[in-house]
Amino acid sequence: MQHRLERIDINEYHVMLNDQKDFRSVMAQLGRLSGFGVQMVCHGDLAAA
């Protein structure tokens, strides 16, 4: 049995951005997760970001 990553689930991701002066660099880091080739699911309120 192979253990493989099925998805990346980020809950309340806008909280990571609330205290950031330069949120663009944080978003770029999150974007690198897409390189894993798995489903990304982000939960949270986009209006709060």
PDB file of N, CA and C in Angstrom:
ATOM      1  N   MET A   1       0.842  -1.181   0.000  1.00  0.00           N
ATOM      2  CA  MET A   1       0.000   0.000   0.000  1.00  0.00           C
ATOM      3  C   MET A   1       0.888   1.246   0.000  1.00  0.00           C
ATOM      4  N   GLN A   2       0.646   2.116  -0.943  1.00  0.00           N
ATOM      5  CA  GLN A   2       1.389   3.370  -1.010  1.00  0.00           C
ATOM      6  C   GLN A   2       0.615   4.467  -0.289  1.00  0.00           C
ATOM      7  N   HIS A   3       1.321   5.227   0.501  1.00  0.00           N
ATOM      8  CA  HIS A   3       0.704   6.373   1.168  1.00  0.00           C
ATOM      9  C   HIS A   3       0.965   7.589   0.301  1.00  0.00           C
ATOM     10  N   ARG A   4      -0.096   8.121  -0.285  1.00  0.00           N
ATOM     11  CA  ARG A   4       0.040   9.260  -1.180  1.00  0.00           C
ATOM     12  C   ARG A   4      -0.846  10.396  -0.697  1.00  0.00           C
ATOM     13  N   LEU A   5      -0.344  11.589  -0.883  1.00  0.00           N
ATOM     14  CA  LEU A   5      -1.093  12.784  -0.519  1.00  0.00           C
ATOM     15  C   LEU A   5      -2.269  12.944  -1.479  1.00  0.00           C
ATOM     16  N   GLU A   6      -3.473  13.054  -0.938  1.00  0.00           N
ATOM     17  CA  GLU A   6      -4.667  13.199  -1.768  1.00  0.00           C
ATOM     18  C   GLU A   6      -5.059  14.652  -1.969  1.00  0.00           C
ATOM     19  N   ARG A   7      -4.946  15.454  -0.921  1.00  0.00           N
ATOM     20  CA  ARG A   7      -5.343  16.857  -1.036  1.00  0.00           C
ATOM     21  C   ARG A   7      -4.662  17.674   0.048  1.00  0.00           C
ATOM     22  N   ILE A   8      -4.592  18.970  -0.213  1.00  0.00           N
ATOM     23  CA  ILE A   8      -4.115  19.929   0.778  1.00  0.00           C
ATOM     24  C   ILE A   8      -5.321  20.753   1.181  1.00  0.00           C
ATOM     25  N   ASP A   9      -5.659  20.716   2.439  1.00  0.00           N
ATOM     26  CA  ASP A   9      -6.849  21.399   2.943  1.00  0.00           C
ATOM     27  C   ASP A   9      -6.397  22.527   3.871  1.00  0.00           C
ATOM     28  N   ILE A  10      -6.684  23.760   3.482  1.00  0.00           N
ATOM     29  CA  ILE A  10      -6.301  24.923   4.277  1.00  0.00           C
ATOM     30  C   ILE A  10      -7.574  25.548   4.818  1.00  0.00           C
ATOM     31  N   ASN A  11      -7.712  25.524   6.132  1.00  0.00           N
ATOM     32  CA  ASN A  11      -8.901  26.062   6.773  1.00  0.00           C
ATOM     33  C   ASN A  11      -8.587  27.448   7.335  1.00  0.00           C
ATOM     34  N   GLU A  12      -9.471  28.384   7.086  1.00  0.00           N
ATOM     35  CA  GLU A  12      -9.310  29.756   7.585  1.00  0.00           C
ATOM     36  C   GLU A  12      -7.986  30.364   7.133  1.00  0.00           C
ATOM     37  N   TYR A  13      -7.650  30.192   5.859  1.00  0.00           N
ATOM     38  CA  TYR A  13      -6.370  30.678   5.350  1.00  0.00           C
ATOM     39  C   TYR A  13      -6.247  32.191   5.410  1.00  0.00           C
ATOM     40  N   HIS A  14      -7.364  32.900   5.454  1.00  0.00           N
ATOM     41  CA  HIS A  14      -7.281  34.358   5.540  1.00  0.00           C
ATOM     42  C   HIS A  14      -6.637  34.818   6.848  1.00  0.00           C
ATOM     43  N   VAL A  15      -6.683  33.977   7.876  1.00  0.00           N
ATOM     44  CA  VAL A  15      -6.062  34.325   9.151  1.00  0.00           C
ATOM     45  C   VAL A  15      -4.549  34.465   8.980  1.00  0.00           C
ATOM     46  N   MET A  16      -3.966  33.680   8.082  1.00  0.00           N
ATOM     47  CA  MET A  16      -2.525  33.768   7.839  1.00  0.00           C
ATOM     48  C   MET A  16      -2.149  35.114   7.249  1.00  0.00           C
ATOM     49  N   LEU A  17      -3.089  35.767   6.592  1.00  0.00           N
ATOM     50  CA  LEU A  17      -2.798  37.020   5.903  1.00  0.00           C
ATOM     51  C   LEU A  17      -3.089  38.253   6.749  1.00  0.00           C
ATOM     52  N   ASN A  18      -3.873  38.118   7.783  1.00  0.00           N
ATOM     53  CA  ASN A  18      -4.315  39.284   8.551  1.00  0.00           C
ATOM     54  C   ASN A  18      -3.168  40.095   9.143  1.00  0.00           C
ATOM     55  N   ASP A  19      -2.115  39.447   9.582  1.00  0.00           N
ATOM     56  CA  ASP A  19      -1.007  40.148  10.227  1.00  0.00           C
ATOM     57  C   ASP A  19       0.172  40.386   9.287  1.00  0.00           C
ATOM     58  N   GLN A  20      -0.001  40.100   8.029  1.00  0.00           N
ATOM     59  CA  GLN A  20       1.100  40.220   7.078  1.00  0.00           C
ATOM     60  C   GLN A  20       1.121  41.602   6.449  1.00  0.00           C
ATOM     61  N   LYS A  21       2.294  42.227   6.441  1.00  0.00           N
ATOM     62  CA  LYS A  21       2.432  43.518   5.774  1.00  0.00           C
ATOM     63  C   LYS A  21       2.502  43.336   4.266  1.00  0.00           C
ATOM     64  N   ASP A  22       3.080  42.222   3.851  1.00  0.00           N
ATOM     65  CA  ASP A  22       3.196  41.938   2.421  1.00  0.00           C
ATOM     66  C   ASP A  22       2.533  40.590   2.142  1.00  0.00           C
ATOM     67  N   PHE A  23       1.217  40.614   2.007  1.00  0.00           N
ATOM     68  CA  PHE A  23       0.483  39.369   1.829  1.00  0.00           C
ATOM     69  C   PHE A  23       0.796  38.691   0.505  1.00  0.00           C
ATOM     70  N   ARG A  24       1.312  39.434  -0.473  1.00  0.00           N
ATOM     71  CA  ARG A  24       1.607  38.833  -1.779  1.00  0.00           C
ATOM     72  C   ARG A  24       2.665  37.736  -1.675  1.00  0.00           C
ATOM     73  N   SER A  25       3.662  37.934  -0.842  1.00  0.00           N
ATOM     74  CA  SER A  25       4.686  36.894  -0.695  1.00  0.00           C
ATOM     75  C   SER A  25       4.107  35.647  -0.025  1.00  0.00           C
ATOM     76  N   VAL A  26       3.167  35.842   0.894  1.00  0.00           N
ATOM     77  CA  VAL A  26       2.514  34.702   1.533  1.00  0.00           C
ATOM     78  C   VAL A  26       1.666  33.959   0.511  1.00  0.00           C
ATOM     79  N   MET A  27       0.947  34.687  -0.328  1.00  0.00           N
ATOM     80  CA  MET A  27       0.140  34.047  -1.366  1.00  0.00           C
ATOM     81  C   MET A  27       1.029  33.282  -2.342  1.00  0.00           C
ATOM     82  N   ALA A  28       2.201  33.821  -2.651  1.00  0.00           N
ATOM     83  CA  ALA A  28       3.131  33.123  -3.541  1.00  0.00           C
ATOM     84  C   ALA A  28       3.584  31.805  -2.918  1.00  0.00           C
ATOM     85  N   GLN A  29       3.821  31.818  -1.622  1.00  0.00           N
ATOM     86  CA  GLN A  29       4.211  30.585  -0.942  1.00  0.00           C
ATOM     87  C   GLN A  29       3.084  29.564  -0.989  1.00  0.00           C
ATOM     88  N   LEU A  30       1.856  30.023  -0.793  1.00  0.00           N
ATOM     89  CA  LEU A  30       0.715  29.109  -0.894  1.00  0.00           C
ATOM     90  C   LEU A  30       0.591  28.563  -2.308  1.00  0.00           C
ATOM     91  N   GLY A  31       0.885  29.401  -3.296  1.00  0.00           N
ATOM     92  CA  GLY A  31       0.814  28.966  -4.689  1.00  0.00           C
ATOM     93  C   GLY A  31       1.777  27.843  -5.006  1.00  0.00           C
ATOM     94  N   ARG A  32       2.902  27.799  -4.305  1.00  0.00           N
ATOM     95  CA  ARG A  32       3.869  26.722  -4.544  1.00  0.00           C
ATOM     96  C   ARG A  32       3.301  25.360  -4.170  1.00  0.00           C
ATOM     97  N   LEU A  33       2.306  25.343  -3.293  1.00  0.00           N
ATOM     98  CA  LEU A  33       1.685  24.073  -2.922  1.00  0.00           C
ATOM     99  C   LEU A  33       1.009  23.405  -4.113  1.00  0.00           C
ATOM    100  N   SER A  34       0.605  24.194  -5.096  1.00  0.00           N
ATOM    101  CA  SER A  34      -0.050  23.610  -6.269  1.00  0.00           C
ATOM    102  C   SER A  34       0.911  22.724  -7.055  1.00  0.00           C
ATOM    103  N   GLY A  35       2.205  22.869  -6.837  1.00  0.00           N
ATOM    104  CA  GLY A  35       3.194  22.040  -7.513  1.00  0.00           C
ATOM    105  C   GLY A  35       3.182  20.586  -7.074  1.00  0.00           C
ATOM    106  N   PHE A  36       2.463  20.271  -6.008  1.00  0.00           N
ATOM    107  CA  PHE A  36       2.378  18.892  -5.554  1.00  0.00           C
ATOM    108  C   PHE A  36       1.456  18.056  -6.439  1.00  0.00           C
ATOM    109  N   GLY A  37       0.678  18.712  -7.292  1.00  0.00           N
ATOM    110  CA  GLY A  37      -0.199  17.978  -8.205  1.00  0.00           C
ATOM    111  C   GLY A  37      -1.372  17.307  -7.522  1.00  0.00           C
ATOM    112  N   VAL A  38      -1.828  17.877  -6.422  1.00  0.00           N
ATOM    113  CA  VAL A  38      -2.991  17.343  -5.724  1.00  0.00           C
ATOM    114  C   VAL A  38      -4.029  18.449  -5.578  1.00  0.00           C
ATOM    115  N   GLN A  39      -5.225  18.053  -5.236  1.00  0.00           N
ATOM    116  CA  GLN A  39      -6.314  19.000  -5.046  1.00  0.00           C
ATOM    117  C   GLN A  39      -6.009  19.913  -3.867  1.00  0.00           C
ATOM    118  N   MET A  40      -6.260  21.214  -4.049  1.00  0.00           N
ATOM    119  CA  MET A  40      -6.143  22.171  -2.945  1.00  0.00           C
ATOM    120  C   MET A  40      -7.529  22.685  -2.606  1.00  0.00           C
ATOM    121  N   VAL A  41      -7.887  22.622  -1.337  1.00  0.00           N
ATOM    122  CA  VAL A  41      -9.178  23.102  -0.870  1.00  0.00           C
ATOM    123  C   VAL A  41      -8.904  24.178   0.165  1.00  0.00           C
ATOM    124  N   CYS A  42      -9.374  25.395  -0.101  1.00  0.00           N
ATOM    125  CA  CYS A  42      -9.181  26.506   0.829  1.00  0.00           C
ATOM    126  C   CYS A  42     -10.531  26.928   1.374  1.00  0.00           C
ATOM    127  N   HIS A  43     -10.626  26.953   2.676  1.00  0.00           N
ATOM    128  CA  HIS A  43     -11.854  27.368   3.350  1.00  0.00           C
ATOM    129  C   HIS A  43     -11.594  28.693   4.041  1.00  0.00           C
ATOM    130  N   GLY A  44     -12.547  29.551   4.032  1.00  0.00           N
ATOM    131  CA  GLY A  44     -12.404  30.812   4.743  1.00  0.00           C
ATOM    132  C   GLY A  44     -13.173  31.899   4.032  1.00  0.00           C
ATOM    133  N   ASP A  45     -13.167  33.051   4.621  1.00  0.00           N
ATOM    134  CA  ASP A  45     -13.904  34.193   4.101  1.00  0.00           C
ATOM    135  C   ASP A  45     -12.961  35.064   3.285  1.00  0.00           C
ATOM    136  N   LEU A  46     -13.115  35.056   1.965  1.00  0.00           N
ATOM    137  CA  LEU A  46     -12.249  35.851   1.100  1.00  0.00           C
ATOM    138  C   LEU A  46     -12.387  37.340   1.374  1.00  0.00           C
ATOM    139  N   ALA A  47     -13.542  37.775   1.823  1.00  0.00           N
ATOM    140  CA  ALA A  47     -13.748  39.194   2.085  1.00  0.00           C
ATOM    141  C   ALA A  47     -12.890  39.672   3.252  1.00  0.00           C
ATOM    142  N   ALA A  48     -12.493  38.766   4.111  1.00  0.00           N
ATOM    143  CA  ALA A  48     -11.683  39.142   5.271  1.00  0.00           C
ATOM    144  C   ALA A  48     -10.215  39.302   4.923  1.00  0.00           C
ATOM    145  N   ALA A  49      -9.807  38.783   3.764  1.00  0.00           N
ATOM    146  CA  ALA A  49      -8.383  38.834   3.390  1.00  0.00           C
ATOM    147  C   ALA A  49      -7.997  40.214   2.903  1.00  0.00           C
TER     148      ALA A  49
END
